[in-house]
Amino acid sequence: MPALRDLALTVEERDLHQFFWVILEAEPSDAAEAIHYNGIYCAANPQTSYSNALVMGAHQLRKLADPDGWAHSAFQGLPIAR
């Protein structure tokens, strides 16, 4: 069984009515007061509403939670350079 990953989902409005989902992963830290996240994947195309982007991002996040999700050919996210 693969190790659990601390993932989160957010939505960014990069331009007016241009909403992108972003999947984040917690970075290791000794800080007890805060969790720091880095983006790992984002939408390739914008949605016209926050709610649509959130639903699309949740769908992609669910694919990643699938045991075969990381290699799933239907995953539609762009890697974010660190």
PDB file of N, CA and C in Angstrom:
ATOM      1  N   MET A   1       0.843  -1.180   0.000  1.00  0.00           N
ATOM      2  CA  MET A   1       0.000   0.000   0.000  1.00  0.00           C
ATOM      3  C   MET A   1       0.887   1.242   0.000  1.00  0.00           C
ATOM      4  N   PRO A   2       0.607   2.193  -0.898  1.00  0.00           N
ATOM      5  CA  PRO A   2       1.422   3.402  -0.944  1.00  0.00           C
ATOM      6  C   PRO A   2       1.229   4.266   0.303  1.00  0.00           C
ATOM      7  N   ALA A   3       2.222   5.060   0.595  1.00  0.00           N
ATOM      8  CA  ALA A   3       2.148   5.958   1.754  1.00  0.00           C
ATOM      9  C   ALA A   3       1.070   7.019   1.530  1.00  0.00           C
ATOM     10  N   LEU A   4       0.431   7.426   2.621  1.00  0.00           N
ATOM     11  CA  LEU A   4      -0.566   8.491   2.538  1.00  0.00           C
ATOM     12  C   LEU A   4       0.122   9.827   2.293  1.00  0.00           C
ATOM     13  N   ARG A   5      -0.520  10.661   1.517  1.00  0.00           N
ATOM     14  CA  ARG A   5       0.018  11.985   1.216  1.00  0.00           C
ATOM     15  C   ARG A   5      -0.935  13.023   1.781  1.00  0.00           C
ATOM     16  N   ASP A   6      -0.393  14.095   2.317  1.00  0.00           N
ATOM     17  CA  ASP A   6      -1.204  15.183   2.860  1.00  0.00           C
ATOM     18  C   ASP A   6      -1.502  16.155   1.724  1.00  0.00           C
ATOM     19  N   LEU A   7      -2.684  15.998   1.102  1.00  0.00           N
ATOM     20  CA  LEU A   7      -3.066  16.800  -0.055  1.00  0.00           C
ATOM     21  C   LEU A   7      -4.194  17.754   0.302  1.00  0.00           C
ATOM     22  N   ALA A   8      -4.281  18.837  -0.439  1.00  0.00           N
ATOM     23  CA  ALA A   8      -5.349  19.821  -0.275  1.00  0.00           C
ATOM     24  C   ALA A   8      -5.727  20.334  -1.662  1.00  0.00           C
ATOM     25  N   LEU A   9      -6.906  20.950  -1.722  1.00  0.00           N
ATOM     26  CA  LEU A   9      -7.406  21.502  -2.975  1.00  0.00           C
ATOM     27  C   LEU A   9      -7.790  22.957  -2.759  1.00  0.00           C
ATOM     28  N   THR A  10      -7.424  23.806  -3.703  1.00  0.00           N
ATOM     29  CA  THR A  10      -7.838  25.203  -3.655  1.00  0.00           C
ATOM     30  C   THR A  10      -8.205  25.649  -5.061  1.00  0.00           C
ATOM     31  N   VAL A  11      -8.823  26.812  -5.150  1.00  0.00           N
ATOM     32  CA  VAL A  11      -9.192  27.402  -6.434  1.00  0.00           C
ATOM     33  C   VAL A  11      -8.617  28.813  -6.478  1.00  0.00           C
ATOM     34  N   GLU A  12      -7.988  29.154  -7.600  1.00  0.00           N
ATOM     35  CA  GLU A  12      -7.416  30.488  -7.801  1.00  0.00           C
ATOM     36  C   GLU A  12      -8.142  31.179  -8.954  1.00  0.00           C
ATOM     37  N   GLU A  13      -8.475  32.452  -8.759  1.00  0.00           N
ATOM     38  CA  GLU A  13      -9.004  33.257  -9.861  1.00  0.00           C
ATOM     39  C   GLU A  13      -7.835  34.072 -10.402  1.00  0.00           C
ATOM     40  N   ARG A  14      -7.274  33.628 -11.505  1.00  0.00           N
ATOM     41  CA  ARG A  14      -6.058  34.252 -12.042  1.00  0.00           C
ATOM     42  C   ARG A  14      -6.355  35.483 -12.885  1.00  0.00           C
ATOM     43  N   ASP A  15      -7.484  35.498 -13.552  1.00  0.00           N
ATOM     44  CA  ASP A  15      -8.015  36.660 -14.255  1.00  0.00           C
ATOM     45  C   ASP A  15      -9.505  36.687 -13.977  1.00  0.00           C
ATOM     46  N   LEU A  16     -10.173  37.734 -14.381  1.00  0.00           N
ATOM     47  CA  LEU A  16     -11.600  37.853 -14.136  1.00  0.00           C
ATOM     48  C   LEU A  16     -12.345  36.663 -14.743  1.00  0.00           C
ATOM     49  N   HIS A  17     -13.053  35.918 -13.903  1.00  0.00           N
ATOM     50  CA  HIS A  17     -13.838  34.744 -14.312  1.00  0.00           C
ATOM     51  C   HIS A  17     -12.978  33.648 -14.947  1.00  0.00           C
ATOM     52  N   GLN A  18     -11.743  33.536 -14.524  1.00  0.00           N
ATOM     53  CA  GLN A  18     -10.827  32.482 -14.985  1.00  0.00           C
ATOM     54  C   GLN A  18     -10.347  31.719 -13.751  1.00  0.00           C
ATOM     55  N   PHE A  19     -11.070  30.652 -13.392  1.00  0.00           N
ATOM     56  CA  PHE A  19     -10.820  29.912 -12.163  1.00  0.00           C
ATOM     57  C   PHE A  19     -10.083  28.610 -12.461  1.00  0.00           C
ATOM     58  N   PHE A  20      -8.990  28.386 -11.732  1.00  0.00           N
ATOM     59  CA  PHE A  20      -8.170  27.189 -11.894  1.00  0.00           C
ATOM     60  C   PHE A  20      -8.131  26.429 -10.572  1.00  0.00           C
ATOM     61  N   TRP A  21      -8.357  25.112 -10.628  1.00  0.00           N
ATOM     62  CA  TRP A  21      -8.161  24.308  -9.422  1.00  0.00           C
ATOM     63  C   TRP A  21      -6.667  24.046  -9.289  1.00  0.00           C
ATOM     64  N   VAL A  22      -6.205  23.911  -8.044  1.00  0.00           N
ATOM     65  CA  VAL A  22      -4.798  23.617  -7.752  1.00  0.00           C
ATOM     66  C   VAL A  22      -4.758  22.569  -6.645  1.00  0.00           C
ATOM     67  N   ILE A  23      -4.041  21.477  -6.879  1.00  0.00           N
ATOM     68  CA  ILE A  23      -3.838  20.447  -5.858  1.00  0.00           C
ATOM     69  C   ILE A  23      -2.509  20.740  -5.174  1.00  0.00           C
ATOM     70  N   LEU A  24      -2.548  20.772  -3.859  1.00  0.00           N
ATOM     71  CA  LEU A  24      -1.391  21.113  -3.033  1.00  0.00           C
ATOM     72  C   LEU A  24      -0.945  19.900  -2.225  1.00  0.00           C
ATOM     73  N   GLU A  25       0.329  19.863  -1.881  1.00  0.00           N
ATOM     74  CA  GLU A  25       0.857  18.815  -1.006  1.00  0.00           C
ATOM     75  C   GLU A  25       1.647  19.476   0.119  1.00  0.00           C
ATOM     76  N   ALA A  26       1.422  18.994   1.340  1.00  0.00           N
ATOM     77  CA  ALA A  26       2.136  19.536   2.499  1.00  0.00           C
ATOM     78  C   ALA A  26       3.616  19.191   2.390  1.00  0.00           C
ATOM     79  N   GLU A  27       4.435  20.149   2.752  1.00  0.00           N
ATOM     80  CA  GLU A  27       5.870  19.889   2.767  1.00  0.00           C
ATOM     81  C   GLU A  27       6.291  19.547   4.191  1.00  0.00           C
ATOM     82  N   PRO A  28       7.270  18.674   4.332  1.00  0.00           N
ATOM     83  CA  PRO A  28       7.716  18.297   5.672  1.00  0.00           C
ATOM     84  C   PRO A  28       8.218  19.517   6.436  1.00  0.00           C
ATOM     85  N   SER A  29       7.845  19.573   7.724  1.00  0.00           N
ATOM     86  CA  SER A  29       8.244  20.710   8.542  1.00  0.00           C
ATOM     87  C   SER A  29       8.201  20.317  10.011  1.00  0.00           C
ATOM     88  N   ASP A  30       9.023  20.971  10.802  1.00  0.00           N
ATOM     89  CA  ASP A  30       9.006  20.757  12.245  1.00  0.00           C
ATOM     90  C   ASP A  30       8.067  21.735  12.942  1.00  0.00           C
ATOM     91  N   ALA A  31       7.508  22.675  12.202  1.00  0.00           N
ATOM     92  CA  ALA A  31       6.622  23.677  12.790  1.00  0.00           C
ATOM     93  C   ALA A  31       5.317  23.032  13.235  1.00  0.00           C
ATOM     94  N   ALA A  32       4.943  23.269  14.474  1.00  0.00           N
ATOM     95  CA  ALA A  32       3.719  22.692  15.012  1.00  0.00           C
ATOM     96  C   ALA A  32       2.512  23.590  14.769  1.00  0.00           C
ATOM     97  N   GLU A  33       2.739  24.867  14.516  1.00  0.00           N
ATOM     98  CA  GLU A  33       1.644  25.827  14.418  1.00  0.00           C
ATOM     99  C   GLU A  33       1.065  25.955  13.024  1.00  0.00           C
ATOM    100  N   ALA A  34       1.789  25.544  12.007  1.00  0.00           N
ATOM    101  CA  ALA A  34       1.322  25.768  10.642  1.00  0.00           C
ATOM    102  C   ALA A  34       1.725  24.617   9.734  1.00  0.00           C
ATOM    103  N   ILE A  35       0.931  24.426   8.710  1.00  0.00           N
ATOM    104  CA  ILE A  35       1.258  23.462   7.666  1.00  0.00           C
ATOM    105  C   ILE A  35       1.526  24.265   6.401  1.00  0.00           C
ATOM    106  N   HIS A  36       2.633  24.010   5.757  1.00  0.00           N
ATOM    107  CA  HIS A  36       2.989  24.707   4.527  1.00  0.00           C
ATOM    108  C   HIS A  36       2.757  23.775   3.346  1.00  0.00           C
ATOM    109  N   TYR A  37       2.074  24.315   2.335  1.00  0.00           N
ATOM    110  CA  TYR A  37       1.734  23.533   1.150  1.00  0.00           C
ATOM    111  C   TYR A  37       2.401  24.120  -0.086  1.00  0.00           C
ATOM    112  N   ASN A  38       2.733  23.239  -1.015  1.00  0.00           N
ATOM    113  CA  ASN A  38       3.229  23.630  -2.334  1.00  0.00           C
ATOM    114  C   ASN A  38       2.290  23.054  -3.374  1.00  0.00           C
ATOM    115  N   GLY A  39       2.055  23.797  -4.444  1.00  0.00           N
ATOM    116  CA  GLY A  39       1.245  23.287  -5.537  1.00  0.00           C
ATOM    117  C   GLY A  39       1.970  22.166  -6.259  1.00  0.00           C
ATOM    118  N   ILE A  40       1.230  21.096  -6.598  1.00  0.00           N
ATOM    119  CA  ILE A  40       1.834  19.991  -7.348  1.00  0.00           C
ATOM    120  C   ILE A  40       1.161  19.788  -8.704  1.00  0.00           C
ATOM    121  N   TYR A  41      -0.131  20.109  -8.807  1.00  0.00           N
ATOM    122  CA  TYR A  41      -0.859  20.016 -10.074  1.00  0.00           C
ATOM    123  C   TYR A  41      -1.847  21.166 -10.161  1.00  0.00           C
ATOM    124  N   CYS A  42      -2.128  21.608 -11.383  1.00  0.00           N
ATOM    125  CA  CYS A  42      -3.158  22.633 -11.576  1.00  0.00           C
ATOM    126  C   CYS A  42      -3.924  22.328 -12.857  1.00  0.00           C
ATOM    127  N   ALA A  43      -5.070  22.972 -12.987  1.00  0.00           N
ATOM    128  CA  ALA A  43      -5.908  22.797 -14.164  1.00  0.00           C
ATOM    129  C   ALA A  43      -5.189  23.293 -15.415  1.00  0.00           C
ATOM    130  N   ALA A  44      -5.389  22.592 -16.516  1.00  0.00           N
ATOM    131  CA  ALA A  44      -4.827  23.020 -17.785  1.00  0.00           C
ATOM    132  C   ALA A  44      -5.657  24.143 -18.400  1.00  0.00           C
ATOM    133  N   ASN A  45      -6.953  24.136 -18.099  1.00  0.00           N
ATOM    134  CA  ASN A  45      -7.869  25.128 -18.667  1.00  0.00           C
ATOM    135  C   ASN A  45      -8.727  25.719 -17.559  1.00  0.00           C
ATOM    136  N   PRO A  46      -9.055  27.010 -17.675  1.00  0.00           N
ATOM    137  CA  PRO A  46      -9.867  27.645 -16.643  1.00  0.00           C
ATOM    138  C   PRO A  46     -11.338  27.257 -16.738  1.00  0.00           C
ATOM    139  N   GLN A  47     -12.023  27.422 -15.621  1.00  0.00           N
ATOM    140  CA  GLN A  47     -13.477  27.310 -15.552  1.00  0.00           C
ATOM    141  C   GLN A  47     -14.028  28.723 -15.391  1.00  0.00           C
ATOM    142  N   THR A  48     -15.293  28.912 -15.728  1.00  0.00           N
ATOM    143  CA  THR A  48     -15.877  30.251 -15.658  1.00  0.00           C
ATOM    144  C   THR A  48     -16.482  30.566 -14.301  1.00  0.00           C
ATOM    145  N   SER A  49     -16.501  29.582 -13.380  1.00  0.00           N
ATOM    146  CA  SER A  49     -17.002  29.855 -12.036  1.00  0.00           C
ATOM    147  C   SER A  49     -16.139  29.123 -11.008  1.00  0.00           C
ATOM    148  N   TYR A  50     -16.144  29.672  -9.811  1.00  0.00           N
ATOM    149  CA  TYR A  50     -15.417  29.066  -8.697  1.00  0.00           C
ATOM    150  C   TYR A  50     -15.937  27.657  -8.436  1.00  0.00           C
ATOM    151  N   SER A  51     -17.267  27.510  -8.401  1.00  0.00           N
ATOM    152  CA  SER A  51     -17.860  26.219  -8.066  1.00  0.00           C
ATOM    153  C   SER A  51     -17.521  25.154  -9.109  1.00  0.00           C
ATOM    154  N   ASN A  52     -17.503  25.511 -10.382  1.00  0.00           N
ATOM    155  CA  ASN A  52     -17.126  24.534 -11.404  1.00  0.00           C
ATOM    156  C   ASN A  52     -15.674  24.098 -11.239  1.00  0.00           C
ATOM    157  N   ALA A  53     -14.791  25.052 -10.967  1.00  0.00           N
ATOM    158  CA  ALA A  53     -13.384  24.710 -10.770  1.00  0.00           C
ATOM    159  C   ALA A  53     -13.209  23.823  -9.541  1.00  0.00           C
ATOM    160  N   LEU A  54     -13.953  24.095  -8.484  1.00  0.00           N
ATOM    161  CA  LEU A  54     -13.868  23.286  -7.270  1.00  0.00           C
ATOM    162  C   LEU A  54     -14.320  21.853  -7.532  1.00  0.00           C
ATOM    163  N   VAL A  55     -15.418  21.695  -8.261  1.00  0.00           N
ATOM    164  CA  VAL A  55     -15.921  20.355  -8.591  1.00  0.00           C
ATOM    165  C   VAL A  55     -14.930  19.612  -9.475  1.00  0.00           C
ATOM    166  N   MET A  56     -14.385  20.292 -10.482  1.00  0.00           N
ATOM    167  CA  MET A  56     -13.407  19.655 -11.372  1.00  0.00           C
ATOM    168  C   MET A  56     -12.144  19.255 -10.595  1.00  0.00           C
ATOM    169  N   GLY A  57     -11.684  20.127  -9.699  1.00  0.00           N
ATOM    170  CA  GLY A  57     -10.512  19.812  -8.888  1.00  0.00           C
ATOM    171  C   GLY A  57     -10.765  18.648  -7.951  1.00  0.00           C
ATOM    172  N   ALA A  58     -11.953  18.600  -7.348  1.00  0.00           N
ATOM    173  CA  ALA A  58     -12.292  17.483  -6.457  1.00  0.00           C
ATOM    174  C   ALA A  58     -12.317  16.170  -7.238  1.00  0.00           C
ATOM    175  N   HIS A  59     -12.792  16.226  -8.469  1.00  0.00           N
ATOM    176  CA  HIS A  59     -12.816  15.026  -9.319  1.00  0.00           C
ATOM    177  C   HIS A  59     -11.394  14.544  -9.602  1.00  0.00           C
ATOM    178  N   GLN A  60     -10.499  15.475  -9.904  1.00  0.00           N
ATOM    179  CA  GLN A  60      -9.104  15.096 -10.157  1.00  0.00           C
ATOM    180  C   GLN A  60      -8.426  14.589  -8.882  1.00  0.00           C
ATOM    181  N   LEU A  61      -8.737  15.212  -7.754  1.00  0.00           N
ATOM    182  CA  LEU A  61      -8.176  14.773  -6.473  1.00  0.00           C
ATOM    183  C   LEU A  61      -8.621  13.350  -6.161  1.00  0.00           C
ATOM    184  N   ARG A  62      -9.868  13.041  -6.448  1.00  0.00           N
ATOM    185  CA  ARG A  62     -10.385  11.691  -6.242  1.00  0.00           C
ATOM    186  C   ARG A  62      -9.633  10.680  -7.100  1.00  0.00           C
ATOM    187  N   LYS A  63      -9.279  11.065  -8.329  1.00  0.00           N
ATOM    188  CA  LYS A  63      -8.502  10.177  -9.196  1.00  0.00           C
ATOM    189  C   LYS A  63      -7.135   9.881  -8.581  1.00  0.00           C
ATOM    190  N   LEU A  64      -6.538  10.886  -7.943  1.00  0.00           N
ATOM    191  CA  LEU A  64      -5.232  10.678  -7.315  1.00  0.00           C
ATOM    192  C   LEU A  64      -5.330   9.766  -6.102  1.00  0.00           C
ATOM    193  N   ALA A  65      -6.479   9.759  -5.439  1.00  0.00           N
ATOM    194  CA  ALA A  65      -6.663   8.913  -4.270  1.00  0.00           C
ATOM    195  C   ALA A  65      -6.859   7.450  -4.659  1.00  0.00           C
ATOM    196  N   ASP A  66      -7.228   7.205  -5.901  1.00  0.00           N
ATOM    197  CA  ASP A  66      -7.375   5.848  -6.419  1.00  0.00           C
ATOM    198  C   ASP A  66      -5.999   5.175  -6.404  1.00  0.00           C
ATOM    199  N   PRO A  67      -5.925   3.899  -6.014  1.00  0.00           N
ATOM    200  CA  PRO A  67      -4.613   3.233  -5.981  1.00  0.00           C
ATOM    201  C   PRO A  67      -3.838   3.334  -7.293  1.00  0.00           C
ATOM    202  N   ASP A  68      -4.527   3.383  -8.412  1.00  0.00           N
ATOM    203  CA  ASP A  68      -3.862   3.521  -9.702  1.00  0.00           C
ATOM    204  C   ASP A  68      -3.923   4.952 -10.216  1.00  0.00           C
ATOM    205  N   GLY A  69      -4.314   5.887  -9.367  1.00  0.00           N
ATOM    206  CA  GLY A  69      -4.586   7.252  -9.785  1.00  0.00           C
ATOM    207  C   GLY A  69      -3.412   8.006 -10.368  1.00  0.00           C
ATOM    208  N   TRP A  70      -2.213   7.863  -9.791  1.00  0.00           N
ATOM    209  CA  TRP A  70      -1.066   8.633 -10.269  1.00  0.00           C
ATOM    210  C   TRP A  70      -0.695   8.239 -11.687  1.00  0.00           C
ATOM    211  N   ALA A  71      -1.006   6.997 -12.068  1.00  0.00           N
ATOM    212  CA  ALA A  71      -0.689   6.554 -13.421  1.00  0.00           C
ATOM    213  C   ALA A  71      -1.929   6.561 -14.304  1.00  0.00           C
ATOM    214  N   HIS A  72      -3.038   7.045 -13.784  1.00  0.00           N
ATOM    215  CA  HIS A  72      -4.313   7.001 -14.501  1.00  0.00           C
ATOM    216  C   HIS A  72      -4.252   7.903 -15.726  1.00  0.00           C
ATOM    217  N   SER A  73      -4.574   7.352 -16.874  1.00  0.00           N
ATOM    218  CA  SER A  73      -4.466   8.118 -18.113  1.00  0.00           C
ATOM    219  C   SER A  73      -5.503   9.232 -18.201  1.00  0.00           C
ATOM    220  N   ALA A  74      -6.580   9.163 -17.411  1.00  0.00           N
ATOM    221  CA  ALA A  74      -7.626  10.178 -17.483  1.00  0.00           C
ATOM    222  C   ALA A  74      -7.342  11.374 -16.575  1.00  0.00           C
ATOM    223  N   PHE A  75      -6.261  11.342 -15.797  1.00  0.00           N
ATOM    224  CA  PHE A  75      -5.931  12.485 -14.939  1.00  0.00           C
ATOM    225  C   PHE A  75      -5.594  13.669 -15.825  1.00  0.00           C
ATOM    226  N   GLN A  76      -6.189  14.836 -15.529  1.00  0.00           N
ATOM    227  CA  GLN A  76      -6.016  16.012 -16.372  1.00  0.00           C
ATOM    228  C   GLN A  76      -5.450  17.181 -15.601  1.00  0.00           C
ATOM    229  N   GLY A  77      -4.229  17.050 -15.162  1.00  0.00           N
ATOM    230  CA  GLY A  77      -3.592  18.134 -14.421  1.00  0.00           C
ATOM    231  C   GLY A  77      -2.207  18.391 -14.960  1.00  0.00           C
ATOM    232  N   LEU A  78      -1.773  19.629 -14.848  1.00  0.00           N
ATOM    233  CA  LEU A  78      -0.420  19.994 -15.251  1.00  0.00           C
ATOM    234  C   LEU A  78       0.479  20.034 -14.026  1.00  0.00           C
ATOM    235  N   PRO A  79       1.636  19.396 -14.090  1.00  0.00           N
ATOM    236  CA  PRO A  79       2.561  19.489 -12.952  1.00  0.00           C
ATOM    237  C   PRO A  79       3.019  20.930 -12.756  1.00  0.00           C
ATOM    238  N   ILE A  80       3.209  21.306 -11.510  1.00  0.00           N
ATOM    239  CA  ILE A  80       3.697  22.641 -11.185  1.00  0.00           C
ATOM    240  C   ILE A  80       5.168  22.526 -10.840  1.00  0.00           C
ATOM    241  N   ALA A  81       5.999  23.320 -11.505  1.00  0.00           N
ATOM    242  CA  ALA A  81       7.442  23.295 -11.238  1.00  0.00           C
ATOM    243  C   ALA A  81       7.710  23.849  -9.855  1.00  0.00           C
ATOM    244  N   ARG A  82       8.609  23.215  -9.139  1.00  0.00           N
ATOM    245  CA  ARG A  82       8.969  23.673  -7.781  1.00  0.00           C
ATOM    246  C   ARG A  82      10.238  24.445  -7.810  1.00  0.00           C
TER     247      ARG A  82
END
